[in-house]
PDB file of N, CA and C in Angstrom:
ATOM      1  N   MET A   1     -54.597 -63.132  38.494  1.00  0.00           N
ATOM      2  CA  MET A   1     -53.355 -62.517  37.753  1.00  0.00           C
ATOM      3  C   MET A   1     -54.014 -61.767  36.939  1.00  0.00           C
ATOM      4  N   VAL A   2     -53.036 -60.588  37.209  1.00  0.00           N
ATOM      5  CA  VAL A   2     -53.181 -58.891  36.294  1.00  0.00           C
ATOM      6  C   VAL A   2     -52.516 -58.072  36.150  1.00  0.00           C
ATOM      7  N   VAL A   3     -52.332 -57.719  34.660  1.00  0.00           N
ATOM      8  CA  VAL A   3     -51.871 -57.075  34.190  1.00  0.00           C
ATOM      9  C   VAL A   3     -52.054 -55.412  34.154  1.00  0.00           C
ATOM     10  N   TYR A   4     -51.249 -54.561  34.604  1.00  0.00           N
ATOM     11  CA  TYR A   4     -52.047 -53.627  34.238  1.00  0.00           C
ATOM     12  C   TYR A   4     -50.389 -52.304  33.107  1.00  0.00           C
ATOM     13  N   SER A   5     -51.427 -52.316  32.094  1.00  0.00           N
ATOM     14  CA  SER A   5     -50.795 -51.693  31.031  1.00  0.00           C
ATOM     15  C   SER A   5     -52.052 -50.651  30.405  1.00  0.00           C
ATOM     16  N   LYS A   6     -50.439 -49.761  29.572  1.00  0.00           N
ATOM     17  CA  LYS A   6     -51.903 -49.506  28.164  1.00  0.00           C
ATOM     18  C   LYS A   6     -51.485 -49.201  26.871  1.00  0.00           C
ATOM     19  N   PRO A   7     -51.777 -48.910  25.792  1.00  0.00           N
ATOM     20  CA  PRO A   7     -51.547 -49.384  24.532  1.00  0.00           C
ATOM     21  C   PRO A   7     -50.731 -48.214  24.259  1.00  0.00           C
ATOM     22  N   GLY A   8     -50.332 -49.351  22.608  1.00  0.00           N
ATOM     23  CA  GLY A   8     -48.705 -48.651  22.658  1.00  0.00           C
ATOM     24  C   GLY A   8     -47.468 -48.461  23.696  1.00  0.00           C
ATOM     25  N   CYS A   9     -47.594 -49.403  24.768  1.00  0.00           N
ATOM     26  CA  CYS A   9     -46.194 -49.467  25.563  1.00  0.00           C
ATOM     27  C   CYS A   9     -45.260 -50.771  24.970  1.00  0.00           C
ATOM     28  N   HIS A  10     -44.294 -51.073  24.704  1.00  0.00           N
ATOM     29  CA  HIS A  10     -44.087 -51.575  23.870  1.00  0.00           C
ATOM     30  C   HIS A  10     -43.341 -52.515  25.345  1.00  0.00           C
ATOM     31  N   LEU A  11     -43.191 -51.864  26.713  1.00  0.00           N
ATOM     32  CA  LEU A  11     -43.127 -52.793  27.969  1.00  0.00           C
ATOM     33  C   LEU A  11     -44.368 -53.831  27.932  1.00  0.00           C
ATOM     34  N   CYS A  12     -45.652 -53.451  27.958  1.00  0.00           N
ATOM     35  CA  CYS A  12     -46.474 -53.956  28.292  1.00  0.00           C
ATOM     36  C   CYS A  12     -46.447 -55.045  27.239  1.00  0.00           C
ATOM     37  N   GLU A  13     -46.453 -54.770  26.517  1.00  0.00           N
ATOM     38  CA  GLU A  13     -46.484 -56.307  24.516  1.00  0.00           C
ATOM     39  C   GLU A  13     -45.492 -57.714  25.681  1.00  0.00           C
ATOM     40  N   ASP A  14     -44.458 -56.861  26.082  1.00  0.00           N
ATOM     41  CA  ASP A  14     -43.396 -57.816  26.463  1.00  0.00           C
ATOM     42  C   ASP A  14     -44.173 -58.531  27.273  1.00  0.00           C
ATOM     43  N   ALA A  15     -43.651 -57.757  28.637  1.00  0.00           N
ATOM     44  CA  ALA A  15     -44.975 -58.260  29.536  1.00  0.00           C
ATOM     45  C   ALA A  15     -46.098 -58.858  29.591  1.00  0.00           C
ATOM     46  N   VAL A  16     -46.956 -58.624  28.587  1.00  0.00           N
ATOM     47  CA  VAL A  16     -48.453 -59.596  28.262  1.00  0.00           C
ATOM     48  C   VAL A  16     -47.927 -60.723  27.798  1.00  0.00           C
ATOM     49  N   ALA A  17     -47.385 -61.177  26.912  1.00  0.00           N
ATOM     50  CA  ALA A  17     -46.532 -62.202  26.043  1.00  0.00           C
ATOM     51  C   ALA A  17     -45.870 -63.731  27.553  1.00  0.00           C
ATOM     52  N   LEU A  18     -44.976 -62.559  28.304  1.00  0.00           N
ATOM     53  CA  LEU A  18     -44.578 -63.271  28.936  1.00  0.00           C
ATOM     54  C   LEU A  18     -45.513 -64.685  29.729  1.00  0.00           C
ATOM     55  N   VAL A  19     -46.709 -63.001  30.214  1.00  0.00           N
ATOM     56  CA  VAL A  19     -47.420 -63.619  31.365  1.00  0.00           C
ATOM     57  C   VAL A  19     -48.096 -64.420  30.438  1.00  0.00           C
ATOM     58  N   ASP A  20     -48.799 -64.403  29.736  1.00  0.00           N
ATOM     59  CA  ASP A  20     -49.519 -64.997  28.669  1.00  0.00           C
ATOM     60  C   ASP A  20     -48.790 -66.798  28.711  1.00  0.00           C
ATOM     61  N   ARG A  21     -47.772 -66.669  28.439  1.00  0.00           N
ATOM     62  CA  ARG A  21     -47.058 -67.736  27.984  1.00  0.00           C
ATOM     63  C   ARG A  21     -46.772 -68.636  29.764  1.00  0.00           C
ATOM     64  N   VAL A  22     -46.064 -68.259  30.117  1.00  0.00           N
ATOM     65  CA  VAL A  22     -46.452 -68.295  32.460  1.00  0.00           C
ATOM     66  C   VAL A  22     -47.567 -69.668  32.473  1.00  0.00           C
ATOM     67  N   CYS A  23     -48.428 -68.544  31.888  1.00  0.00           N
ATOM     68  CA  CYS A  23     -49.329 -68.556  33.010  1.00  0.00           C
ATOM     69  C   CYS A  23     -50.282 -69.412  32.556  1.00  0.00           C
ATOM     70  N   ALA A  24     -50.123 -69.942  30.936  1.00  0.00           N
ATOM     71  CA  ALA A  24     -50.584 -71.092  30.205  1.00  0.00           C
ATOM     72  C   ALA A  24     -50.119 -72.505  30.174  1.00  0.00           C
ATOM     73  N   GLU A  25     -48.145 -72.459  30.223  1.00  0.00           N
ATOM     74  CA  GLU A  25     -47.717 -73.458  31.236  1.00  0.00           C
ATOM     75  C   GLU A  25     -48.518 -73.967  32.396  1.00  0.00           C
ATOM     76  N   LEU A  26     -48.659 -73.243  33.288  1.00  0.00           N
ATOM     77  CA  LEU A  26     -49.148 -73.247  34.667  1.00  0.00           C
ATOM     78  C   LEU A  26     -50.689 -74.055  34.814  1.00  0.00           C
ATOM     79  N   GLY A  27     -51.362 -73.170  33.974  1.00  0.00           N
ATOM     80  CA  GLY A  27     -53.505 -73.060  34.052  1.00  0.00           C
ATOM     81  C   GLY A  27     -53.414 -72.718  34.616  1.00  0.00           C
ATOM     82  N   VAL A  28     -53.124 -70.957  34.637  1.00  0.00           N
ATOM     83  CA  VAL A  28     -53.681 -70.213  35.895  1.00  0.00           C
ATOM     84  C   VAL A  28     -54.259 -68.508  34.452  1.00  0.00           C
ATOM     85  N   THR A  29     -55.299 -68.468  34.905  1.00  0.00           N
ATOM     86  CA  THR A  29     -55.791 -67.802  34.524  1.00  0.00           C
ATOM     87  C   THR A  29     -55.344 -66.025  34.759  1.00  0.00           C
ATOM     88  N   TRP A  30     -55.782 -64.975  33.847  1.00  0.00           N
ATOM     89  CA  TRP A  30     -55.385 -63.639  33.766  1.00  0.00           C
ATOM     90  C   TRP A  30     -55.394 -62.462  32.846  1.00  0.00           C
ATOM     91  N   SER A  31     -55.679 -61.635  33.675  1.00  0.00           N
ATOM     92  CA  SER A  31     -56.368 -60.894  32.709  1.00  0.00           C
ATOM     93  C   SER A  31     -56.166 -59.661  32.465  1.00  0.00           C
ATOM     94  N   GLU A  32     -55.902 -58.478  31.963  1.00  0.00           N
ATOM     95  CA  GLU A  32     -55.369 -57.178  31.205  1.00  0.00           C
ATOM     96  C   GLU A  32     -56.087 -56.290  31.365  1.00  0.00           C
ATOM     97  N   VAL A  33     -55.397 -55.183  32.513  1.00  0.00           N
ATOM     98  CA  VAL A  33     -56.255 -53.404  32.108  1.00  0.00           C
ATOM     99  C   VAL A  33     -55.652 -52.881  31.484  1.00  0.00           C
ATOM    100  N   ASP A  34     -56.448 -52.061  30.920  1.00  0.00           N
ATOM    101  CA  ASP A  34     -56.145 -50.548  29.940  1.00  0.00           C
ATOM    102  C   ASP A  34     -55.969 -49.908  31.123  1.00  0.00           C
ATOM    103  N   ILE A  35     -54.564 -49.758  31.571  1.00  0.00           N
ATOM    104  CA  ILE A  35     -55.575 -47.672  32.489  1.00  0.00           C
ATOM    105  C   ILE A  35     -55.547 -46.790  32.080  1.00  0.00           C
ATOM    106  N   SER A  36     -55.437 -46.584  30.886  1.00  0.00           N
ATOM    107  CA  SER A  36     -55.394 -46.030  30.344  1.00  0.00           C
ATOM    108  C   SER A  36     -57.031 -44.655  29.891  1.00  0.00           C
ATOM    109  N   THR A  37     -58.092 -45.749  30.769  1.00  0.00           N
ATOM    110  CA  THR A  37     -59.324 -45.538  30.202  1.00  0.00           C
ATOM    111  C   THR A  37     -60.076 -45.282  31.316  1.00  0.00           C
ATOM    112  N   ASP A  38     -58.756 -44.879  33.066  1.00  0.00           N
ATOM    113  CA  ASP A  38     -58.906 -44.595  34.118  1.00  0.00           C
ATOM    114  C   ASP A  38     -57.739 -43.610  34.555  1.00  0.00           C
ATOM    115  N   ALA A  39     -59.058 -43.184  34.665  1.00  0.00           N
ATOM    116  CA  ALA A  39     -57.356 -42.057  35.347  1.00  0.00           C
ATOM    117  C   ALA A  39     -56.864 -41.920  36.631  1.00  0.00           C
ATOM    118  N   GLU A  40     -57.813 -42.394  36.929  1.00  0.00           N
ATOM    119  CA  GLU A  40     -56.988 -42.977  38.584  1.00  0.00           C
ATOM    120  C   GLU A  40     -55.955 -44.346  38.349  1.00  0.00           C
ATOM    121  N   LEU A  41     -56.403 -44.821  37.743  1.00  0.00           N
ATOM    122  CA  LEU A  41     -54.946 -45.789  37.380  1.00  0.00           C
ATOM    123  C   LEU A  41     -53.765 -45.068  36.503  1.00  0.00           C
ATOM    124  N   MET A  42     -54.746 -44.449  35.957  1.00  0.00           N
ATOM    125  CA  MET A  42     -53.068 -43.436  35.140  1.00  0.00           C
ATOM    126  C   MET A  42     -52.692 -42.461  36.183  1.00  0.00           C
ATOM    127  N   ARG A  43     -52.769 -42.015  37.310  1.00  0.00           N
ATOM    128  CA  ARG A  43     -52.080 -41.542  38.094  1.00  0.00           C
ATOM    129  C   ARG A  43     -51.105 -42.616  39.043  1.00  0.00           C
ATOM    130  N   GLU A  44     -52.073 -43.633  39.334  1.00  0.00           N
ATOM    131  CA  GLU A  44     -51.344 -44.486  40.265  1.00  0.00           C
ATOM    132  C   GLU A  44     -49.984 -45.494  39.570  1.00  0.00           C
ATOM    133  N   TYR A  45     -49.954 -45.414  38.026  1.00  0.00           N
ATOM    134  CA  TYR A  45     -49.747 -46.978  37.798  1.00  0.00           C
ATOM    135  C   TYR A  45     -49.307 -46.230  36.068  1.00  0.00           C
ATOM    136  N   GLY A  46     -48.630 -44.738  36.204  1.00  0.00           N
ATOM    137  CA  GLY A  46     -48.988 -44.190  34.280  1.00  0.00           C
ATOM    138  C   GLY A  46     -47.334 -44.457  34.291  1.00  0.00           C
ATOM    139  N   GLU A  47     -46.073 -44.390  35.520  1.00  0.00           N
ATOM    140  CA  GLU A  47     -45.099 -44.245  35.161  1.00  0.00           C
ATOM    141  C   GLU A  47     -44.440 -45.681  35.727  1.00  0.00           C
ATOM    142  N   GLN A  48     -45.506 -46.696  35.855  1.00  0.00           N
ATOM    143  CA  GLN A  48     -44.445 -47.519  36.341  1.00  0.00           C
ATOM    144  C   GLN A  48     -44.977 -49.114  35.274  1.00  0.00           C
ATOM    145  N   ILE A  49     -45.677 -48.705  34.540  1.00  0.00           N
ATOM    146  CA  ILE A  49     -46.233 -50.116  33.761  1.00  0.00           C
ATOM    147  C   ILE A  49     -45.250 -50.216  32.472  1.00  0.00           C
ATOM    148  N   PRO A  50     -45.945 -51.409  32.411  1.00  0.00           N
ATOM    149  CA  PRO A  50     -46.526 -52.212  33.071  1.00  0.00           C
ATOM    150  C   PRO A  50     -45.842 -52.873  34.292  1.00  0.00           C
ATOM    151  N   VAL A  51     -47.746 -53.242  34.692  1.00  0.00           N
ATOM    152  CA  VAL A  51     -47.457 -53.707  36.746  1.00  0.00           C
ATOM    153  C   VAL A  51     -48.265 -55.020  36.742  1.00  0.00           C
ATOM    154  N   THR A  52     -47.986 -56.000  37.062  1.00  0.00           N
ATOM    155  CA  THR A  52     -48.148 -57.103  37.115  1.00  0.00           C
ATOM    156  C   THR A  52     -48.756 -57.563  39.246  1.00  0.00           C
ATOM    157  N   PHE A  53     -49.634 -58.153  39.335  1.00  0.00           N
ATOM    158  CA  PHE A  53     -50.464 -58.223  40.378  1.00  0.00           C
ATOM    159  C   PHE A  53     -51.029 -60.017  40.786  1.00  0.00           C
ATOM    160  N   VAL A  54     -49.876 -60.100  41.632  1.00  0.00           N
ATOM    161  CA  VAL A  54     -50.352 -61.744  41.930  1.00  0.00           C
ATOM    162  C   VAL A  54     -51.305 -61.986  43.139  1.00  0.00           C
ATOM    163  N   ASP A  55     -52.361 -62.503  43.348  1.00  0.00           N
ATOM    164  CA  ASP A  55     -53.176 -62.836  44.703  1.00  0.00           C
ATOM    165  C   ASP A  55     -53.674 -60.947  45.222  1.00  0.00           C
ATOM    166  N   GLY A  56     -54.446 -59.903  44.570  1.00  0.00           N
ATOM    167  CA  GLY A  56     -53.982 -58.636  44.603  1.00  0.00           C
ATOM    168  C   GLY A  56     -52.810 -57.904  45.023  1.00  0.00           C
ATOM    169  N   ARG A  57     -51.701 -58.133  45.256  1.00  0.00           N
ATOM    170  CA  ARG A  57     -50.569 -57.668  45.688  1.00  0.00           C
ATOM    171  C   ARG A  57     -50.563 -57.359  44.360  1.00  0.00           C
ATOM    172  N   GLN A  58     -49.485 -56.674  44.261  1.00  0.00           N
ATOM    173  CA  GLN A  58     -48.418 -55.619  43.849  1.00  0.00           C
ATOM    174  C   GLN A  58     -46.904 -56.662  43.420  1.00  0.00           C
ATOM    175  N   HIS A  59     -46.181 -57.092  42.078  1.00  0.00           N
ATOM    176  CA  HIS A  59     -45.708 -58.231  42.280  1.00  0.00           C
ATOM    177  C   HIS A  59     -44.152 -57.689  42.307  1.00  0.00           C
ATOM    178  N   ASP A  60     -44.855 -56.827  40.793  1.00  0.00           N
ATOM    179  CA  ASP A  60     -43.386 -56.484  39.612  1.00  0.00           C
ATOM    180  C   ASP A  60     -44.566 -54.885  38.609  1.00  0.00           C
ATOM    181  N   PHE A  61     -42.792 -54.646  38.401  1.00  0.00           N
ATOM    182  CA  PHE A  61     -43.422 -53.124  37.617  1.00  0.00           C
ATOM    183  C   PHE A  61     -42.030 -53.128  36.302  1.00  0.00           C
ATOM    184  N   TRP A  62     -42.727 -52.503  35.186  1.00  0.00           N
ATOM    185  CA  TRP A  62     -41.332 -52.231  34.105  1.00  0.00           C
ATOM    186  C   TRP A  62     -41.672 -53.568  33.247  1.00  0.00           C
ATOM    187  N   ARG A  63     -40.308 -54.890  34.269  1.00  0.00           N
ATOM    188  CA  ARG A  63     -40.306 -55.155  33.406  1.00  0.00           C
ATOM    189  C   ARG A  63     -40.741 -57.017  34.228  1.00  0.00           C
ATOM    190  N   VAL A  64     -41.289 -57.842  33.953  1.00  0.00           N
ATOM    191  CA  VAL A  64     -41.567 -59.552  34.054  1.00  0.00           C
ATOM    192  C   VAL A  64     -40.525 -60.265  34.714  1.00  0.00           C
ATOM    193  N   ASP A  65     -39.919 -61.137  35.129  1.00  0.00           N
ATOM    194  CA  ASP A  65     -39.309 -62.666  35.707  1.00  0.00           C
ATOM    195  C   ASP A  65     -39.369 -63.286  35.392  1.00  0.00           C
ATOM    196  N   PRO A  66     -39.984 -64.230  34.566  1.00  0.00           N
ATOM    197  CA  PRO A  66     -40.508 -65.724  34.345  1.00  0.00           C
ATOM    198  C   PRO A  66     -40.805 -66.303  35.548  1.00  0.00           C
ATOM    199  N   GLU A  67     -38.867 -66.487  36.190  1.00  0.00           N
ATOM    200  CA  GLU A  67     -39.154 -67.878  36.999  1.00  0.00           C
ATOM    201  C   GLU A  67     -40.071 -67.233  38.174  1.00  0.00           C
ATOM    202  N   ARG A  68     -39.775 -65.960  38.893  1.00  0.00           N
ATOM    203  CA  ARG A  68     -40.066 -65.003  40.125  1.00  0.00           C
ATOM    204  C   ARG A  68     -42.165 -65.262  39.736  1.00  0.00           C
ATOM    205  N   LEU A  69     -42.336 -64.694  38.807  1.00  0.00           N
ATOM    206  CA  LEU A  69     -43.654 -64.885  37.487  1.00  0.00           C
ATOM    207  C   LEU A  69     -43.898 -67.069  38.532  1.00  0.00           C
ATOM    208  N   ARG A  70     -43.715 -67.553  38.012  1.00  0.00           N
ATOM    209  CA  ARG A  70     -43.455 -69.079  38.021  1.00  0.00           C
ATOM    210  C   ARG A  70     -43.297 -69.237  39.379  1.00  0.00           C
ATOM    211  N   THR A  71     -42.390 -68.644  40.584  1.00  0.00           N
ATOM    212  CA  THR A  71     -42.764 -68.771  41.972  1.00  0.00           C
ATOM    213  C   THR A  71     -43.667 -68.454  42.635  1.00  0.00           C
ATOM    214  N   ALA A  72     -44.161 -67.408  42.585  1.00  0.00           N
ATOM    215  CA  ALA A  72     -45.701 -66.055  42.657  1.00  0.00           C
ATOM    216  C   ALA A  72     -46.871 -66.925  43.062  1.00  0.00           C
ATOM    217  N   LEU A  73     -47.322 -67.290  41.380  1.00  0.00           N
ATOM    218  CA  LEU A  73     -47.611 -68.356  40.816  1.00  0.00           C
ATOM    219  C   LEU A  73     -48.455 -69.607  41.878  1.00  0.00           C
ATOM    220  N   THR A  74     -46.890 -70.099  41.905  1.00  0.00           N
ATOM    221  CA  THR A  74     -47.388 -71.989  43.153  1.00  0.00           C
ATOM    222  C   THR A  74     -47.447 -72.021  43.836  1.00  0.00           C
ATOM    223  N   ALA A  75     -47.201 -70.444  44.360  1.00  0.00           N
ATOM    224  CA  ALA A  75     -47.159 -70.235  45.770  1.00  0.00           C
ATOM    225  C   ALA A  75     -48.202 -70.682  46.725  1.00  0.00           C
TER     226      ALA A  75
END
C-alpha cells in the first residue's frame, strides 16, 4: 500500500490519516511517497494527489473511501 502525496496538500493529510488508521486495523504496512521530490511523478500525479496504490496498481485519487480500501486490502 502506497500513498503518493506532497507537502501542504490538505487532501493528502486526510488520506494519510485514513490510510494509517485502516492499515493499522488490518495489520497492513504502507508507505508515503512525496511526489514533489520527483519531476516525473509530479507530471504524472500532480493534479490527482493524493493517489493510492494497492498491490502496485492505482486504487484511488483525491479522496480515499475507507470501505473500498478495506475491501482492496483484504482481497
